[in-house]
N, C-alpha and C. Protein backbone atom coordinates (compact mmCIF):
# COMPACT_ATOMS: atom_id res chain seq x y z
N MET A 1 0.73 -0.95 0.10
CA MET A 1 0.09 0.09 -0.21
C MET A 1 0.72 1.49 0.43
N ARG A 2 2.12 1.24 0.92
CA ARG A 2 3.07 2.42 0.93
C ARG A 2 3.64 2.64 -1.08
N ALA A 3 4.00 1.45 -1.20
CA ALA A 3 4.57 1.98 -1.88
C ALA A 3 4.17 2.00 -3.16
N ARG A 4 2.78 1.88 -3.51
CA ARG A 4 1.37 2.17 -4.88
C ARG A 4 1.54 3.41 -4.04
N PHE A 5 1.28 4.26 -2.85
CA PHE A 5 0.80 5.71 -2.58
C PHE A 5 1.92 6.59 -3.36
N SER A 6 3.43 5.96 -2.98
CA SER A 6 4.34 6.40 -3.35
C SER A 6 4.70 6.71 -4.60
N ALA A 7 4.23 5.35 -5.04
CA ALA A 7 4.46 5.84 -6.37
C ALA A 7 3.76 6.27 -7.47
N TYR A 8 2.21 7.13 -7.32
CA TYR A 8 1.12 7.73 -7.44
C TYR A 8 1.99 9.17 -6.75
N SER A 9 2.55 9.32 -5.75
CA SER A 9 3.46 10.54 -5.44
C SER A 9 3.95 10.95 -6.47
N LEU A 10 4.50 9.75 -6.48
CA LEU A 10 6.07 10.62 -7.85
C LEU A 10 5.76 9.88 -9.42
N ALA A 11 4.72 10.03 -10.32
CA ALA A 11 3.86 9.57 -11.04
C ALA A 11 4.87 8.83 -12.06
N LEU A 12 5.09 6.97 -10.84
CA LEU A 12 5.54 6.20 -10.95
C LEU A 12 4.58 5.03 -11.61
N CYS A 13 3.92 5.78 -13.37
CA CYS A 13 2.26 5.32 -14.01
C CYS A 13 3.25 3.36 -14.05
N ASN A 14 4.28 2.81 -14.59
CA ASN A 14 4.46 1.60 -14.64
C ASN A 14 4.33 1.30 -13.35
N TYR A 15 4.77 1.35 -12.68
CA TYR A 15 5.07 0.57 -10.86
C TYR A 15 2.81 0.73 -10.95
N ILE A 16 2.51 1.54 -11.26
CA ILE A 16 1.07 1.54 -10.50
C ILE A 16 0.08 0.45 -11.21
N ILE A 17 1.05 0.34 -12.77
CA ILE A 17 0.21 -0.78 -13.93
C ILE A 17 0.45 -2.28 -13.32
N SER A 18 1.57 -2.02 -12.89
CA SER A 18 2.26 -3.77 -12.64
C SER A 18 1.95 -3.92 -11.44
N THR A 19 1.17 -3.44 -11.13
CA THR A 19 0.69 -3.41 -9.22
C THR A 19 -0.74 -3.97 -9.05
N THR A 20 -1.79 -4.01 -10.66
CA THR A 20 -2.63 -3.74 -10.41
C THR A 20 -2.96 -5.36 -11.36
N HIS A 21 -4.10 -5.83 -10.42
CA HIS A 21 -4.89 -7.26 -10.51
C HIS A 21 -5.30 -7.45 -12.36
N PRO A 22 -4.70 -8.29 -12.93
CA PRO A 22 -5.48 -7.94 -14.28
C PRO A 22 -6.89 -8.36 -14.34
N LYS A 23 -7.61 -8.96 -13.24
CA LYS A 23 -8.61 -9.37 -13.26
C LYS A 23 -9.48 -8.29 -12.15
N GLY A 24 -8.87 -7.34 -11.81
CA GLY A 24 -9.86 -5.53 -10.92
C GLY A 24 -10.15 -5.15 -12.09
N PRO A 25 -11.20 -4.51 -11.40
CA PRO A 25 -12.58 -3.47 -12.15
C PRO A 25 -11.39 -2.31 -12.78
N HIS A 26 -9.66 -2.01 -12.22
CA HIS A 26 -9.32 -0.59 -12.43
C HIS A 26 -8.57 -1.25 -13.92
N PHE A 27 -7.83 -2.01 -13.84
CA PHE A 27 -6.88 -2.33 -15.27
C PHE A 27 -7.73 -2.63 -16.48
N GLN A 28 -6.58 -2.27 -17.79
CA GLN A 28 -7.00 -1.42 -18.87
C GLN A 28 -6.25 -2.16 -19.34
N ASP A 29 -7.02 -2.58 -20.39
CA ASP A 29 -5.99 -3.02 -21.53
C ASP A 29 -5.77 -2.39 -22.20
N ASP A 30 -5.77 -0.59 -22.46
CA ASP A 30 -5.47 0.04 -23.56
C ASP A 30 -3.58 0.75 -22.34
N ARG A 31 -2.95 0.47 -22.39
CA ARG A 31 -1.46 0.73 -21.77
C ARG A 31 -1.25 1.86 -21.90
N VAL A 32 -1.36 2.30 -23.43
CA VAL A 32 -0.90 4.00 -23.56
C VAL A 32 -2.21 4.78 -22.67
N ARG A 33 -3.13 4.66 -23.33
CA ARG A 33 -4.48 5.42 -22.11
C ARG A 33 -4.18 5.61 -20.73
N TRP A 34 -4.45 4.54 -19.96
CA TRP A 34 -4.26 4.47 -18.12
C TRP A 34 -3.23 4.92 -18.33
N HIS A 35 -1.41 4.79 -18.93
CA HIS A 35 -0.80 5.86 -18.33
C HIS A 35 -0.39 7.17 -18.52
N LEU A 36 -1.60 7.69 -19.45
CA LEU A 36 -1.66 9.34 -19.75
C LEU A 36 -2.58 9.54 -18.65
N GLN A 37 -3.84 8.71 -18.14
CA GLN A 37 -4.78 8.55 -17.09
C GLN A 37 -3.96 9.21 -15.52
N LEU A 38 -3.33 8.10 -15.16
CA LEU A 38 -2.52 7.90 -14.14
C LEU A 38 -1.73 9.01 -13.89
N GLN A 39 -0.72 9.31 -15.42
CA GLN A 39 0.10 11.13 -14.92
C GLN A 39 -1.38 12.37 -14.96
N ASP A 40 -1.70 12.51 -15.44
CA ASP A 40 -2.61 13.90 -15.46
C ASP A 40 -3.41 13.40 -14.16
N PHE A 41 -3.54 12.16 -13.69
CA PHE A 41 -4.04 12.25 -11.79
C PHE A 41 -2.85 12.27 -11.74
N ALA A 42 -2.03 12.37 -11.09
CA ALA A 42 -0.88 12.35 -10.54
C ALA A 42 -0.13 13.63 -10.08
N SER A 43 0.04 14.54 -11.67
CA SER A 43 0.04 16.01 -12.05
C SER A 43 -0.56 17.11 -10.95
N GLN A 44 -2.10 16.46 -11.33
CA GLN A 44 -3.05 17.01 -10.19
C GLN A 44 -3.27 17.64 -9.30
N THR A 45 -2.21 16.25 -8.73
CA THR A 45 -3.22 15.54 -7.21
C THR A 45 -1.43 15.99 -6.07
N LEU A 46 -1.90 16.62 -4.95
CA LEU A 46 -0.22 17.27 -3.67
C LEU A 46 -1.68 15.86 -2.81
N PHE A 47 -0.18 14.99 -2.67
CA PHE A 47 0.06 13.38 -2.06
C PHE A 47 0.19 14.08 -1.30
N GLU A 48 -0.05 14.64 0.33
CA GLU A 48 0.11 14.97 2.08
C GLU A 48 0.59 13.81 2.46
N GLY A 49 -0.51 12.31 2.56
CA GLY A 49 -0.31 11.68 3.44
C GLY A 49 -0.66 10.39 3.38
N LEU A 50 -0.54 9.58 4.42
CA LEU A 50 -0.98 7.48 4.09
C LEU A 50 -1.28 7.47 5.69
N GLU A 51 -2.27 7.35 5.88
CA GLU A 51 -2.38 6.84 7.47
C GLU A 51 -3.16 5.11 7.56
N LEU A 52 -2.23 4.46 7.26
CA LEU A 52 -2.90 2.91 7.69
C LEU A 52 -3.25 2.43 8.29
N LEU A 53 -4.63 2.30 8.87
CA LEU A 53 -6.05 2.01 9.53
C LEU A 53 -6.33 0.26 9.72
N GLU A 54 -5.97 -0.86 9.35
CA GLU A 54 -5.84 -1.93 9.39
C GLU A 54 -5.60 -2.36 8.64
N GLU A 55 -5.53 -4.14 9.01
CA GLU A 55 -4.80 -5.02 7.75
C GLU A 55 -5.13 -5.80 8.26
N LYS A 56 -5.00 -6.83 6.84
CA LYS A 56 -5.38 -8.70 7.96
C LYS A 56 -5.24 -9.26 6.38
N GLU A 57 -3.91 -9.92 6.71
CA GLU A 57 -3.13 -11.17 5.41
C GLU A 57 -3.89 -12.10 5.71
N GLY A 58 -4.10 -13.06 4.69
CA GLY A 58 -4.44 -14.39 4.39
C GLY A 58 -3.81 -14.89 3.49
N PRO A 59 -3.37 -16.11 3.28
CA PRO A 59 -3.01 -16.75 2.68
C PRO A 59 -3.02 -16.11 0.72
N LEU A 60 -3.91 -15.98 0.59
CA LEU A 60 -4.39 -15.80 -1.00
C LEU A 60 -4.82 -14.09 -1.65
N GLN A 61 -4.54 -13.85 -0.24
CA GLN A 61 -6.30 -12.38 -0.16
C GLN A 61 -5.29 -11.42 1.15
N ALA A 62 -5.42 -10.20 1.05
CA ALA A 62 -4.98 -9.67 2.78
C ALA A 62 -5.75 -7.81 2.41
N GLN A 63 -6.30 -7.48 3.20
CA GLN A 63 -7.60 -5.90 3.29
C GLN A 63 -6.55 -5.16 4.26
N VAL A 64 -6.56 -3.60 2.93
CA VAL A 64 -5.21 -2.82 3.68
C VAL A 64 -6.59 -1.53 4.28
N ALA A 65 -6.92 -0.71 4.93
CA ALA A 65 -7.83 -0.05 5.24
C ALA A 65 -6.41 0.92 5.91
N PHE A 66 -7.41 2.16 4.67
CA PHE A 66 -6.36 3.23 5.07
C PHE A 66 -7.00 4.75 4.34
N ARG A 67 -6.31 5.55 5.28
CA ARG A 67 -7.18 7.45 4.87
C ARG A 67 -5.39 8.09 4.25
N ALA A 68 -6.08 8.36 2.69
CA ALA A 68 -4.99 8.90 1.98
C ALA A 68 -5.57 9.92 2.46
N THR A 69 -4.73 11.41 2.66
CA THR A 69 -4.79 12.99 2.35
C THR A 69 -4.24 13.16 1.00
N LEU A 70 -5.08 14.23 0.59
CA LEU A 70 -4.99 14.80 -1.03
C LEU A 70 -5.35 15.90 -0.81
N SER A 71 -4.65 16.76 -1.85
CA SER A 71 -5.53 17.77 -2.58
C SER A 71 -5.07 17.81 -3.32
N GLN A 72 -6.45 18.38 -4.77
CA GLN A 72 -6.38 18.96 -6.15
C GLN A 72 -6.47 20.42 -6.58
N GLN A 73 -6.05 20.93 -6.68
CA GLN A 73 -6.16 23.09 -7.20
C GLN A 73 -6.88 23.23 -5.80
N GLY A 74 -6.13 22.83 -4.68
CA GLY A 74 -6.52 23.35 -3.16
C GLY A 74 -7.41 22.97 -2.39
N CYS A 75 -8.12 22.19 -2.62
CA CYS A 75 -9.53 21.38 -2.99
C CYS A 75 -8.64 20.17 -1.90
N ASP A 76 -9.85 20.08 -0.97
CA ASP A 76 -9.60 18.76 -0.09
C ASP A 76 -9.87 16.95 -1.43
N ALA A 77 -9.44 16.74 -1.45
CA ALA A 77 -9.48 14.86 -2.19
C ALA A 77 -9.25 13.86 -1.52
N SER A 78 -8.89 13.66 0.09
CA SER A 78 -8.54 12.73 0.69
C SER A 78 -9.58 11.88 0.81
N PHE A 79 -9.58 10.63 1.28
CA PHE A 79 -10.33 9.54 0.93
C PHE A 79 -10.05 8.16 1.96
N SER A 80 -11.30 7.54 2.67
CA SER A 80 -10.75 6.21 3.15
C SER A 80 -11.44 5.02 2.04
N GLU A 81 -10.07 4.32 2.40
CA GLU A 81 -10.98 3.46 1.53
C GLU A 81 -10.13 1.74 2.36
N ARG A 82 -11.13 0.60 2.19
CA ARG A 82 -10.77 -0.90 2.00
C ARG A 82 -9.57 -1.72 1.86
N SER A 83 -8.77 -1.91 1.03
CA SER A 83 -8.45 -2.16 -0.53
C SER A 83 -8.28 -3.28 -0.15
N LEU A 84 -8.52 -3.91 -1.95
CA LEU A 84 -8.45 -5.71 -1.55
C LEU A 84 -7.23 -6.17 -2.30
N PHE A 85 -6.10 -6.55 -1.93
CA PHE A 85 -4.39 -7.26 -2.87
C PHE A 85 -5.06 -9.02 -2.76
N VAL A 86 -4.47 -9.82 -3.57
CA VAL A 86 -4.77 -10.88 -4.20
C VAL A 86 -3.57 -10.78 -4.75
N LEU A 87 -2.84 -11.95 -3.77
CA LEU A 87 -1.61 -12.77 -4.15
C LEU A 87 -2.09 -13.47 -6.05
N HIS A 88 -0.85 -13.17 -7.05
CA HIS A 88 -1.18 -13.43 -8.40
C HIS A 88 0.49 -14.21 -8.44
N GLU A 89 0.94 -14.74 -9.29
CA GLU A 89 1.83 -15.34 -9.47
C GLU A 89 2.86 -15.03 -8.58
N ASN A 90 3.11 -14.76 -7.21
CA ASN A 90 3.94 -14.92 -6.16
C ASN A 90 3.99 -13.08 -6.05
N ARG A 91 3.14 -12.88 -6.66
CA ARG A 91 2.94 -11.36 -5.92
C ARG A 91 2.33 -10.44 -5.31
N TRP A 92 1.81 -9.52 -4.52
CA TRP A 92 0.29 -9.17 -3.77
C TRP A 92 0.58 -7.73 -4.95
N LEU A 93 -1.26 -8.08 -5.67
CA LEU A 93 -0.86 -7.00 -7.06
C LEU A 93 -3.01 -6.83 -6.27
N TYR A 94 -2.77 -4.72 -6.37
CA TYR A 94 -4.17 -4.69 -5.89
C TYR A 94 -5.23 -4.50 -6.75
N HIS A 95 -6.35 -5.17 -6.54
CA HIS A 95 -7.35 -6.21 -7.15
C HIS A 95 -8.57 -4.90 -7.48
N SER A 96 -9.22 -4.25 -5.62
CA SER A 96 -10.38 -3.25 -5.66
C SER A 96 -10.30 -2.88 -4.61
N GLY A 97 -11.38 -1.38 -4.60
CA GLY A 97 -11.71 -0.97 -3.74
C GLY A 97 -12.63 -0.36 -3.33
N GLU A 98 -13.45 -0.55 -1.65
CA GLU A 98 -14.51 -0.31 -1.00
C GLU A 98 -14.18 1.52 -0.73
N LYS A 99 -14.52 2.73 -0.87
CA LYS A 99 -14.72 3.41 0.22
C LYS A 99 -15.22 3.78 0.99
N LEU A 100 -14.48 4.07 2.27
CA LEU A 100 -14.93 4.15 3.92
C LEU A 100 -15.58 5.19 4.61
N THR A 101 -16.88 5.31 4.99
CA THR A 101 -16.96 6.89 5.39
C THR A 101 -16.83 6.60 6.72
N ALA A 102 -16.70 7.40 7.18
CA ALA A 102 -16.04 8.49 8.72
C ALA A 102 -16.48 6.75 9.77
N ARG A 103 -17.61 6.75 9.80
CA ARG A 103 -18.24 5.59 10.81
C ARG A 103 -17.06 4.00 10.19
N ALA A 104 -16.66 4.14 9.27
CA ALA A 104 -16.86 2.29 8.59
C ALA A 104 -15.40 2.18 8.91
N HIS A 105 -14.39 3.17 9.60
CA HIS A 105 -12.84 2.87 10.35
C HIS A 105 -12.72 2.72 11.44
């Protein structure tokens, strides 16, 4: 989770792409378009902080709840999420996430 947050903040788009599960909802076949979308997001976002709230790891899946502090064009864009990571070819890959409300974490 920390590595992906850092990759977003440094616009390391290839890392984000390579750590996204191919069966997850965020995976895109058009890598060029996806790379450009990630670059655009990273260039418009200030990544201010990451707080890990909870981690649960099983043999094939793991969940990480976190709070990301972000801003875009001077406006707060922070959010909390519970992310699902799936072990795929001996690597933990981001599969999907569920936004959390203030009460859910």
